[in-house]
Amino acid sequence: MNRRDRLDAVVKHRAPDRVPVSAWGHFYVDELGAETFADRMLAFRAAYDWDFLKVHARASYHVEPFGFEFRPSQHPAQGHTLTRTPIDRPEDWFTLRPAPLDSPAFAEQMRGLALIRRGLPDDVPLIMTVFTPLDMADKLLDRRAEVLAAHVAEAPEAISHALSVFAETLEPFVRQVTRFGVDGVFFSTKWVNGAKLPPAVYRRLATPHDLHMMAPAAALPFNILHVCQTEVFVDGFADYPVSILHWDDHGAHNPSLRMGQTMTGRAVSGGVDSPTLAHGTVDEVTDKATGAIVSMGGKGMILASGCSIITSETPEANLQALRAAPDRAADRLARGDAGQSSATVNERGGGLV
């Protein structure tokens, strides 16, 4: 199988020759211009021969057209520093208006996508990252979740206005992304979990805007929904146009990959948590990765870190172990070895409804 065939088998719940694997994380110093960013993304994928390239774009690109300003990082272990946001009081959300597609931050991402697609082997799927509207609101506040939660409670109509603005802005952006040869969109949200919003509230407040923004990508074969953090809900997305659900299956009160697939019927992604990749041993990475694959019977899943890897702290040897794990697991499955490990039996489910 080539890489595209391998990913296609996963979303169709057929057995691939081996489970596809990839990883992604922020390269802060290199994510500030289209050319340097594209070079870094291509080099990282090639170094480990990942099965697909998930474009891990600068997180603030979504909100820079709305007045988010920052001081660029000069250190690979430090993110960029907020210098200005237009949002202070709940009523400030009403000042937002849709941003044009030719905004500098959006245009930069399109240039980067074009360069990345041109530099990828033909059989390597390309997946772009786009935040959901409520996650954009969170980022516009520099991830001050407690402030956004207070604004949701105090002025839901103001938040609804902002989410509508974000969806109206990102819908044409997503449409344009589909014209750059991408094979999927990685939609990301930090707000579908027990620590943030109950599922019913999220569905009422955010889902209509999510679906509006996602619609242009509905026909892409490898759309992914990333549900971030702990106590996540993975079973409320039947109407979302995604083929794969991704979350940290090792996070507190999060479901295992097997449980998530049983609940949703979708292909799933995860298997190793980013702290283990950053600070664990090669054997620990191998144990979690191969155990996750064996627990899934080697199909219906992508092996990946449950969230962004900590790029400045993750050893090359651990990433090589992650990359080698699908072949090791395939050998175990061929021998009929489904032995227990810390990752094979992990049927957590707290926080789900």
Protein backbone atom coordinates (compact mmCIF):
# COMPACT_ATOMS: atom_id res chain seq x y z
CA MET A 1 0.00 0.00 0.00
CA ASN A 2 1.13 3.56 -0.56
CA ARG A 3 0.49 6.18 2.09
CA ARG A 4 -2.77 7.43 0.62
CA ASP A 5 -4.11 3.88 0.27
CA ARG A 6 -3.16 3.21 3.88
CA LEU A 7 -5.14 6.18 5.19
CA ASP A 8 -8.07 5.34 2.92
CA ALA A 9 -8.19 1.84 4.36
CA VAL A 10 -8.36 3.27 7.87
CA VAL A 11 -11.35 5.54 7.24
CA LYS A 12 -13.15 2.68 5.47
CA HIS A 13 -12.42 0.30 8.37
CA ARG A 14 -10.40 -2.06 6.21
CA ALA A 15 -7.14 -3.56 7.42
CA PRO A 16 -4.10 -1.65 6.08
CA ASP A 17 -0.73 -3.32 5.61
CA ARG A 18 0.19 -1.43 8.77
CA VAL A 19 -1.38 1.35 10.82
CA PRO A 20 -0.51 4.82 9.46
CA VAL A 21 1.44 7.10 11.79
CA SER A 22 2.20 10.80 12.04
CA ALA A 23 3.08 13.50 14.56
CA TRP A 24 2.95 17.29 14.68
CA GLY A 25 3.86 20.21 16.92
CA HIS A 26 4.79 23.88 16.92
CA PHE A 27 8.13 25.09 15.59
CA TYR A 28 7.70 28.61 16.95
CA VAL A 29 10.73 30.25 15.40
CA ASP A 30 10.05 28.79 11.96
CA GLU A 31 6.29 29.34 11.75
CA LEU A 32 6.43 33.09 11.07
CA GLY A 33 6.78 33.08 7.28
CA ALA A 34 5.43 30.93 4.48
CA GLU A 35 8.80 29.81 3.14
CA THR A 36 10.52 28.94 6.42
CA PHE A 37 7.34 27.30 7.70
CA ALA A 38 6.91 25.17 4.56
CA ASP A 39 10.56 24.10 4.70
CA ARG A 40 10.22 23.07 8.34
CA MET A 41 7.00 21.11 7.77
CA LEU A 42 8.49 19.24 4.81
CA ALA A 43 11.74 18.48 6.62
CA PHE A 44 9.96 17.17 9.72
CA ARG A 45 7.76 14.86 7.68
CA ALA A 46 10.66 13.56 5.61
CA ALA A 47 12.88 12.97 8.66
CA TYR A 48 10.45 10.37 10.03
CA ASP A 49 8.64 9.35 6.83
CA TRP A 50 5.25 10.16 8.40
CA ASP A 51 2.30 8.77 6.46
CA PHE A 52 0.65 12.19 6.15
CA LEU A 53 1.55 15.79 6.85
CA LYS A 54 -0.66 17.63 9.28
CA VAL A 55 0.10 21.34 8.82
CA HIS A 56 0.69 22.64 12.35
CA ALA A 57 0.25 26.29 11.55
CA ARG A 58 0.84 29.27 13.83
CA ALA A 59 -2.13 29.11 16.21
CA SER A 60 -2.87 32.82 16.03
CA TYR A 61 -3.23 32.99 12.24
CA HIS A 62 -6.98 32.53 12.66
CA VAL A 63 -7.40 35.64 14.82
CA GLU A 64 -4.71 38.00 13.56
CA PRO A 65 -7.18 39.50 11.03
CA PHE A 66 -9.38 40.47 14.00
CA GLY A 67 -6.75 42.50 15.82
CA PHE A 68 -4.75 39.87 17.71
CA GLU A 69 -1.15 41.11 17.86
CA PHE A 70 1.89 39.36 19.25
CA ARG A 71 5.64 39.60 19.79
CA PRO A 72 7.33 36.75 17.88
CA SER A 73 9.18 34.12 19.84
CA GLN A 74 12.93 33.89 19.47
CA HIS A 75 13.18 30.57 21.30
CA PRO A 76 12.00 27.11 20.15
CA ALA A 77 10.59 26.30 23.60
CA GLN A 78 8.52 29.48 23.98
CA GLY A 79 5.34 30.51 22.25
CA HIS A 80 4.64 33.99 20.94
CA THR A 81 3.62 36.71 23.40
CA LEU A 82 0.30 38.53 23.13
CA THR A 83 0.66 42.30 22.89
CA ARG A 84 -2.91 43.28 21.98
CA THR A 85 -6.39 41.80 21.79
CA PRO A 86 -9.54 43.74 20.87
CA ILE A 87 -11.62 41.91 23.49
CA ASP A 88 -11.85 43.07 27.08
CA ARG A 89 -15.54 43.32 28.03
CA PRO A 90 -18.36 41.04 26.81
CA GLU A 91 -19.81 43.80 24.63
CA ASP A 92 -16.53 44.00 22.69
CA TRP A 93 -17.49 40.87 20.79
CA PHE A 94 -20.19 42.89 19.01
CA THR A 95 -17.47 45.04 17.39
CA LEU A 96 -16.14 42.14 15.31
CA ARG A 97 -16.88 41.97 11.58
CA PRO A 98 -15.96 39.28 9.01
CA ALA A 99 -12.35 39.53 7.83
CA PRO A 100 -11.43 39.35 4.13
CA LEU A 101 -9.82 36.29 2.59
CA ASP A 102 -6.82 38.36 1.46
CA SER A 103 -5.88 39.29 5.04
CA PRO A 104 -2.08 38.92 5.39
CA ALA A 105 -2.25 36.00 7.83
CA PHE A 106 -4.62 34.04 5.58
CA ALA A 107 -2.61 34.82 2.44
CA GLU A 108 0.55 33.62 4.20
CA GLN A 109 -1.08 30.29 5.02
CA MET A 110 -2.13 29.83 1.40
CA ARG A 111 1.42 30.48 0.20
CA GLY A 112 2.72 27.98 2.71
CA LEU A 113 0.18 25.36 1.64
CA ALA A 114 1.13 25.76 -2.00
CA LEU A 115 4.82 25.30 -1.18
CA ILE A 116 4.15 22.28 1.03
CA ARG A 117 1.96 20.55 -1.53
CA ARG A 118 4.59 21.16 -4.21
CA GLY A 119 7.29 19.62 -2.01
CA LEU A 120 5.36 16.53 -0.86
CA PRO A 121 5.52 13.15 -2.56
CA ASP A 122 2.31 12.59 -4.50
CA ASP A 123 1.04 9.82 -2.22
CA VAL A 124 1.43 11.81 1.03
CA PRO A 125 -1.93 13.23 2.15
CA LEU A 126 -1.88 16.89 3.22
CA ILE A 127 -4.14 18.00 6.06
CA MET A 128 -4.57 21.67 7.04
CA THR A 129 -5.39 22.91 10.56
CA VAL A 130 -8.42 25.18 11.14
CA PHE A 131 -9.81 26.13 14.55
CA THR A 132 -13.52 25.92 15.19
CA PRO A 133 -15.21 29.30 15.90
CA LEU A 134 -15.42 28.87 19.69
CA ASP A 135 -11.75 27.94 19.75
CA MET A 136 -11.03 31.11 17.77
CA ALA A 137 -12.81 33.11 20.48
CA ASP A 138 -10.65 31.34 23.05
CA LYS A 139 -7.48 32.20 21.13
CA LEU A 140 -8.52 35.84 20.66
CA LEU A 141 -8.49 36.01 24.47
CA ASP A 142 -5.04 34.38 24.52
CA ARG A 143 -6.48 31.14 25.90
CA ARG A 144 -7.97 32.77 28.99
CA ALA A 145 -10.69 30.16 29.18
CA GLU A 146 -12.12 31.51 32.41
CA VAL A 147 -12.77 34.88 30.74
CA LEU A 148 -14.51 33.28 27.76
CA ALA A 149 -16.60 31.10 30.07
CA ALA A 150 -17.68 34.20 31.98
CA HIS A 151 -18.60 35.97 28.73
CA VAL A 152 -20.61 32.94 27.57
CA ALA A 153 -22.54 33.02 30.84
CA GLU A 154 -23.00 36.81 30.95
CA ALA A 155 -23.59 37.64 27.29
CA PRO A 156 -24.34 34.56 25.15
CA GLU A 157 -25.75 36.78 22.41
CA ALA A 158 -22.40 38.58 22.12
CA ILE A 159 -20.56 35.27 21.83
CA SER A 160 -23.08 34.07 19.25
CA HIS A 161 -22.37 37.20 17.22
CA ALA A 162 -18.63 36.51 17.37
CA LEU A 163 -19.04 32.86 16.39
CA SER A 164 -21.14 33.90 13.42
CA VAL A 165 -18.43 36.37 12.35
CA PHE A 166 -15.74 33.71 12.67
CA ALA A 167 -17.76 31.16 10.72
CA GLU A 168 -18.50 33.70 7.96
CA THR A 169 -14.78 34.44 7.77
CA LEU A 170 -13.50 30.87 7.84
CA GLU A 171 -16.08 29.37 5.48
CA PRO A 172 -14.47 30.99 2.39
CA PHE A 173 -11.03 30.27 3.86
CA VAL A 174 -11.86 26.56 4.11
CA ARG A 175 -13.28 26.68 0.59
CA GLN A 176 -10.01 28.19 -0.66
CA VAL A 177 -7.97 25.60 1.27
CA THR A 178 -9.71 22.81 -0.64
CA ARG A 179 -8.33 24.29 -3.88
CA PHE A 180 -4.73 23.93 -2.73
CA GLY A 181 -4.62 20.16 -3.00
CA VAL A 182 -5.35 19.32 0.62
CA ASP A 183 -6.82 15.92 1.42
CA GLY A 184 -8.47 16.92 4.65
CA VAL A 185 -8.90 19.58 7.31
CA PHE A 186 -7.93 19.11 10.94
CA PHE A 187 -10.67 20.95 12.84
CA SER A 188 -9.61 21.68 16.41
CA THR A 189 -11.56 22.57 19.52
CA LYS A 190 -10.68 22.80 23.22
CA TRP A 191 -14.28 23.35 24.28
CA VAL A 192 -15.97 19.94 24.06
CA ASN A 193 -15.11 18.63 27.50
CA GLY A 194 -16.50 18.47 30.99
CA ALA A 195 -14.24 21.27 32.24
CA LYS A 196 -15.59 23.78 29.71
CA LEU A 197 -19.13 23.32 28.40
CA PRO A 198 -21.76 20.59 28.73
CA PRO A 199 -22.52 18.89 25.39
CA ALA A 200 -26.01 20.37 25.15
CA VAL A 201 -24.67 23.89 25.60
CA TYR A 202 -21.94 23.35 23.05
CA ARG A 203 -24.43 21.95 20.54
CA ARG A 204 -26.72 24.94 20.95
CA LEU A 205 -24.04 27.63 21.03
CA ALA A 206 -21.30 26.39 18.72
CA THR A 207 -22.33 23.49 16.49
CA PRO A 208 -24.32 25.50 13.90
CA HIS A 209 -21.28 27.73 13.35
CA ASP A 210 -18.93 24.72 13.22
CA LEU A 211 -21.03 23.09 10.52
CA HIS A 212 -21.29 26.29 8.48
CA MET A 213 -17.52 26.71 8.50
CA MET A 214 -16.81 23.04 7.76
CA ALA A 215 -19.26 22.67 4.88
CA PRO A 216 -16.85 23.45 2.00
CA ALA A 217 -14.55 20.64 3.14
CA ALA A 218 -17.30 18.02 3.45
CA ALA A 219 -16.19 16.08 0.36
CA LEU A 220 -12.54 15.73 1.45
CA PRO A 221 -11.67 12.15 2.39
CA PHE A 222 -9.50 12.67 5.47
CA ASN A 223 -11.11 15.36 7.65
CA ILE A 224 -10.19 15.05 11.32
CA LEU A 225 -11.88 16.50 14.41
CA HIS A 226 -9.48 17.02 17.31
CA VAL A 227 -11.16 17.21 20.71
CA CYS A 228 -8.58 18.62 23.08
CA GLN A 229 -7.73 18.26 26.77
CA THR A 230 -9.42 16.01 29.36
CA GLU A 231 -12.97 14.84 30.14
CA VAL A 232 -13.69 15.03 26.42
CA PHE A 233 -16.98 14.18 24.76
CA VAL A 234 -16.53 12.28 21.51
CA ASP A 235 -20.04 11.07 20.83
CA GLY A 236 -21.87 14.23 19.73
CA PHE A 237 -20.51 14.66 16.21
CA ALA A 238 -22.61 12.42 14.00
CA ASP A 239 -23.46 15.37 11.75
CA TYR A 240 -19.88 16.69 11.50
CA PRO A 241 -18.24 16.05 8.09
CA VAL A 242 -15.18 14.27 9.46
CA SER A 243 -13.89 10.74 8.92
CA ILE A 244 -11.55 10.60 11.92
CA LEU A 245 -11.82 11.63 15.57
CA HIS A 246 -8.61 12.46 17.43
CA TRP A 247 -8.08 12.97 21.17
CA ASP A 248 -5.66 12.16 23.97
CA ASP A 249 -6.82 8.68 24.92
CA HIS A 250 -4.44 8.79 27.90
CA GLY A 251 -5.94 12.02 29.29
CA ALA A 252 -7.83 11.94 32.58
CA HIS A 253 -11.40 10.65 32.18
CA ASN A 254 -11.01 10.33 28.42
CA PRO A 255 -12.26 7.27 26.55
CA SER A 256 -9.89 4.73 25.10
CA LEU A 257 -9.57 4.52 21.33
CA ARG A 258 -11.62 1.33 21.28
CA MET A 259 -14.40 2.89 23.31
CA GLY A 260 -14.44 6.03 21.16
CA GLN A 261 -14.71 3.99 17.99
CA THR A 262 -17.49 1.86 19.45
CA MET A 263 -19.42 4.97 20.46
CA THR A 264 -19.02 6.85 17.18
CA GLY A 265 -18.38 4.34 14.41
CA ARG A 266 -15.59 6.61 13.14
CA ALA A 267 -11.93 5.93 12.59
CA VAL A 268 -9.89 7.18 15.55
CA SER A 269 -6.45 8.66 16.13
CA GLY A 270 -4.14 8.74 19.13
CA GLY A 271 -2.27 6.12 21.12
CA VAL A 272 0.63 7.93 22.82
CA ASP A 273 0.46 11.04 25.01
CA SER A 274 2.82 13.92 24.36
CA PRO A 275 4.43 13.85 27.86
CA THR A 276 5.50 10.25 27.28
CA LEU A 277 6.92 11.19 23.89
CA ALA A 278 8.79 14.09 25.46
CA HIS A 279 10.01 12.55 28.69
CA GLY A 280 9.47 8.80 28.52
CA THR A 281 11.91 6.13 27.44
CA VAL A 282 11.99 4.50 24.03
CA ASP A 283 10.54 1.35 25.61
CA GLU A 284 7.66 3.32 27.15
CA VAL A 285 6.83 4.92 23.81
CA THR A 286 7.01 1.56 22.07
CA ASP A 287 4.83 -0.12 24.70
CA LYS A 288 2.07 2.49 24.50
CA ALA A 289 2.15 2.73 20.72
CA THR A 290 2.17 -0.99 19.94
CA GLY A 291 -0.32 -1.67 22.71
CA ALA A 292 -2.78 0.84 21.26
CA ILE A 293 -2.51 -0.72 17.80
CA VAL A 294 -2.92 -4.28 19.08
CA SER A 295 -5.93 -3.24 21.18
CA MET A 296 -7.59 -1.99 17.96
CA GLY A 297 -6.72 -5.10 16.00
CA GLY A 298 -4.55 -3.06 13.66
CA LYS A 299 -7.35 -1.27 11.85
CA GLY A 300 -9.67 1.72 12.10
CA MET A 301 -7.00 3.89 13.69
CA ILE A 302 -4.10 6.27 13.08
CA LEU A 303 -1.19 6.18 15.49
CA ALA A 304 -0.33 9.68 16.70
CA SER A 305 0.34 11.73 19.77
CA GLY A 306 -2.93 12.57 21.51
CA CYS A 307 -2.08 16.28 21.20
CA SER A 308 0.74 18.42 19.82
CA ILE A 309 4.17 17.04 20.60
CA ILE A 310 6.47 19.21 22.69
CA THR A 311 8.90 19.78 19.84
CA SER A 312 11.71 21.33 21.89
CA GLU A 313 11.71 18.47 24.42
CA THR A 314 10.87 15.36 22.40
CA PRO A 315 13.94 13.25 21.59
CA GLU A 316 14.49 12.02 18.07
CA ALA A 317 14.77 8.47 19.41
CA ASN A 318 11.23 8.62 20.79
CA LEU A 319 9.84 9.86 17.50
CA GLN A 320 11.69 7.07 15.73
CA ALA A 321 10.12 4.62 18.18
CA LEU A 322 6.68 6.03 17.38
CA ARG A 323 7.40 5.64 13.67
CA ALA A 324 8.60 2.04 14.10
CA ALA A 325 5.67 0.95 16.27
CA PRO A 326 3.20 0.08 13.46
CA ASP A 327 5.59 -2.48 12.01
CA ARG A 328 6.26 -3.94 15.45
CA ALA A 329 2.52 -4.15 16.12
CA ALA A 330 1.88 -5.75 12.73
CA ASP A 331 4.37 -8.48 13.64
CA ARG A 332 2.62 -9.03 16.98
CA LEU A 333 -0.76 -9.26 15.32
CA ALA A 334 0.55 -11.66 12.69
CA ARG A 335 1.79 -13.91 15.51
CA GLY A 336 -1.58 -13.71 17.22
CA ASP A 337 0.06 -11.91 20.14
CA ALA A 338 -2.50 -9.61 21.73
CA GLY A 339 -0.78 -9.62 25.10
CA GLN A 340 -1.79 -7.11 27.73
CA SER A 341 0.14 -3.89 28.19
CA SER A 342 -0.53 -0.59 29.90
CA ALA A 343 -2.09 0.65 26.67
CA THR A 344 -4.09 -2.34 25.46
CA VAL A 345 -6.73 -2.36 28.16
CA ASN A 346 -7.62 1.24 28.84
CA GLU A 347 -11.40 1.46 28.80
CA ARG A 348 -11.80 4.78 30.51
CA GLY A 349 -14.94 6.70 29.91
CA GLY A 350 -15.60 9.19 32.66
CA GLY A 351 -17.12 12.45 31.49
CA LEU A 352 -18.98 10.94 28.56
CA VAL A 353 -22.72 11.18 28.00
